Amino acid sequence: MQVYGWSSMVSAALAGIHGAESDALRAAARVASGDTDDLAGDLVGLQSAERRHAANIRVLESAMETEQNVLDILA
């Protein structure tokens, strides 16, 4: 089992957010341009990016909560 530190969790979450945003922007640009060759795939891609974004936001929130808990214990 690999154990991640606080900065690793934050870095991974930020990378995930960036990746989700990039994927969403690409799919949205294809939809907006009228490229309907794979409209269903693009819509699924947008939904997937939204869920990945939300999940990575939750990781950031958890990291901040954990940091606050550690600080409270040490105080």
C-alpha atoms as a PDB file:
ATOM      1  CA  MET A   1       0.000   0.000   0.000  1.00  0.00           C
ATOM      2  CA  GLN A   2       1.323   3.406  -0.943  1.00  0.00           C
ATOM      3  CA  VAL A   3       0.934   6.179   1.606  1.00  0.00           C
ATOM      4  CA  TYR A   4       0.615   9.749   0.398  1.00  0.00           C
ATOM      5  CA  GLY A   5       1.515  12.866   2.300  1.00  0.00           C
ATOM      6  CA  TRP A   6      -0.564  16.006   2.410  1.00  0.00           C
ATOM      7  CA  SER A   7       1.341  17.680  -0.436  1.00  0.00           C
ATOM      8  CA  SER A   8       1.033  14.556  -2.584  1.00  0.00           C
ATOM      9  CA  MET A   9      -2.736  14.490  -2.085  1.00  0.00           C
ATOM     10  CA  VAL A  10      -3.007  18.149  -2.982  1.00  0.00           C
ATOM     11  CA  SER A  11      -0.765  17.745  -6.031  1.00  0.00           C
ATOM     12  CA  ALA A  12      -2.717  14.729  -7.265  1.00  0.00           C
ATOM     13  CA  ALA A  13      -6.039  16.513  -6.747  1.00  0.00           C
ATOM     14  CA  LEU A  14      -4.857  19.638  -8.563  1.00  0.00           C
ATOM     15  CA  ALA A  15      -3.579  17.534 -11.460  1.00  0.00           C
ATOM     16  CA  GLY A  16      -6.929  15.748 -11.578  1.00  0.00           C
ATOM     17  CA  ILE A  17      -8.817  19.033 -11.612  1.00  0.00           C
ATOM     18  CA  HIS A  18      -6.605  20.347 -14.404  1.00  0.00           C
ATOM     19  CA  GLY A  19      -7.098  17.165 -16.435  1.00  0.00           C
ATOM     20  CA  ALA A  20     -10.862  17.226 -15.961  1.00  0.00           C
ATOM     21  CA  GLU A  21     -11.044  20.876 -17.009  1.00  0.00           C
ATOM     22  CA  SER A  22      -8.924  20.209 -20.096  1.00  0.00           C
ATOM     23  CA  ASP A  23     -11.104  17.269 -21.118  1.00  0.00           C
ATOM     24  CA  ALA A  24     -14.279  19.304 -20.552  1.00  0.00           C
ATOM     25  CA  LEU A  25     -12.965  22.219 -22.613  1.00  0.00           C
ATOM     26  CA  ARG A  26     -12.044  19.929 -25.522  1.00  0.00           C
ATOM     27  CA  ALA A  27     -15.439  18.210 -25.502  1.00  0.00           C
ATOM     28  CA  ALA A  28     -17.274  21.529 -25.159  1.00  0.00           C
ATOM     29  CA  ALA A  29     -15.327  23.011 -28.074  1.00  0.00           C
ATOM     30  CA  ARG A  30     -16.276  20.048 -30.281  1.00  0.00           C
ATOM     31  CA  VAL A  31     -19.951  20.390 -29.325  1.00  0.00           C
ATOM     32  CA  ALA A  32     -19.901  24.183 -29.826  1.00  0.00           C
ATOM     33  CA  SER A  33     -18.255  23.852 -33.239  1.00  0.00           C
ATOM     34  CA  GLY A  34     -21.083  21.647 -34.463  1.00  0.00           C
ATOM     35  CA  ASP A  35     -18.858  18.589 -34.793  1.00  0.00           C
ATOM     36  CA  THR A  36     -21.556  16.004 -34.090  1.00  0.00           C
ATOM     37  CA  ASP A  37     -19.646  12.907 -35.216  1.00  0.00           C
ATOM     38  CA  ASP A  38     -19.650  11.659 -31.623  1.00  0.00           C
ATOM     39  CA  LEU A  39     -22.067  13.931 -29.801  1.00  0.00           C
ATOM     40  CA  ALA A  40     -23.073  11.229 -27.316  1.00  0.00           C
ATOM     41  CA  GLY A  41     -19.411  10.537 -26.534  1.00  0.00           C
ATOM     42  CA  ASP A  42     -18.720  14.224 -26.020  1.00  0.00           C
ATOM     43  CA  LEU A  43     -21.697  14.573 -23.675  1.00  0.00           C
ATOM     44  CA  VAL A  44     -20.567  11.537 -21.693  1.00  0.00           C
ATOM     45  CA  GLY A  45     -17.084  13.068 -21.621  1.00  0.00           C
ATOM     46  CA  LEU A  46     -18.485  16.301 -20.210  1.00  0.00           C
ATOM     47  CA  GLN A  47     -20.367  14.421 -17.487  1.00  0.00           C
ATOM     48  CA  SER A  48     -17.292  12.367 -16.678  1.00  0.00           C
ATOM     49  CA  ALA A  49     -15.143  15.493 -16.434  1.00  0.00           C
ATOM     50  CA  GLU A  50     -17.714  17.076 -14.115  1.00  0.00           C
ATOM     51  CA  ARG A  51     -17.640  14.057 -11.793  1.00  0.00           C
ATOM     52  CA  ARG A  52     -13.830  13.866 -11.836  1.00  0.00           C
ATOM     53  CA  HIS A  53     -13.655  17.569 -11.039  1.00  0.00           C
ATOM     54  CA  ALA A  54     -16.065  17.167  -8.106  1.00  0.00           C
ATOM     55  CA  ALA A  55     -14.173  14.134  -6.784  1.00  0.00           C
ATOM     56  CA  ASN A  56     -10.857  15.979  -6.870  1.00  0.00           C
ATOM     57  CA  ILE A  57     -12.392  18.980  -5.120  1.00  0.00           C
ATOM     58  CA  ARG A  58     -13.499  16.573  -2.386  1.00  0.00           C
ATOM     59  CA  VAL A  59      -9.923  15.272  -2.090  1.00  0.00           C
ATOM     60  CA  LEU A  60      -8.726  18.857  -1.579  1.00  0.00           C
ATOM     61  CA  GLU A  61     -11.399  19.447   1.043  1.00  0.00           C
ATOM     62  CA  SER A  62     -10.397  16.239   2.841  1.00  0.00           C
ATOM     63  CA  ALA A  63      -6.733  17.241   2.789  1.00  0.00           C
ATOM     64  CA  MET A  64      -7.590  20.622   4.297  1.00  0.00           C
ATOM     65  CA  GLU A  65      -9.772  18.985   6.972  1.00  0.00           C
ATOM     66  CA  THR A  66      -6.982  16.554   7.812  1.00  0.00           C
ATOM     67  CA  GLU A  67      -4.462  19.366   8.055  1.00  0.00           C
ATOM     68  CA  GLN A  68      -6.776  21.308  10.368  1.00  0.00           C
ATOM     69  CA  ASN A  69      -7.313  18.232  12.551  1.00  0.00           C
ATOM     70  CA  VAL A  70      -3.557  17.704  12.873  1.00  0.00           C
ATOM     71  CA  LEU A  71      -3.066  21.362  13.770  1.00  0.00           C
ATOM     72  CA  ASP A  72      -5.825  21.117  16.380  1.00  0.00           C
ATOM     73  CA  ILE A  73      -4.206  18.045  17.914  1.00  0.00           C
ATOM     74  CA  LEU A  74      -0.792  19.712  18.034  1.00  0.00           C
ATOM     75  CA  ALA A  75      -2.112  22.974  19.468  1.00  0.00           C
END
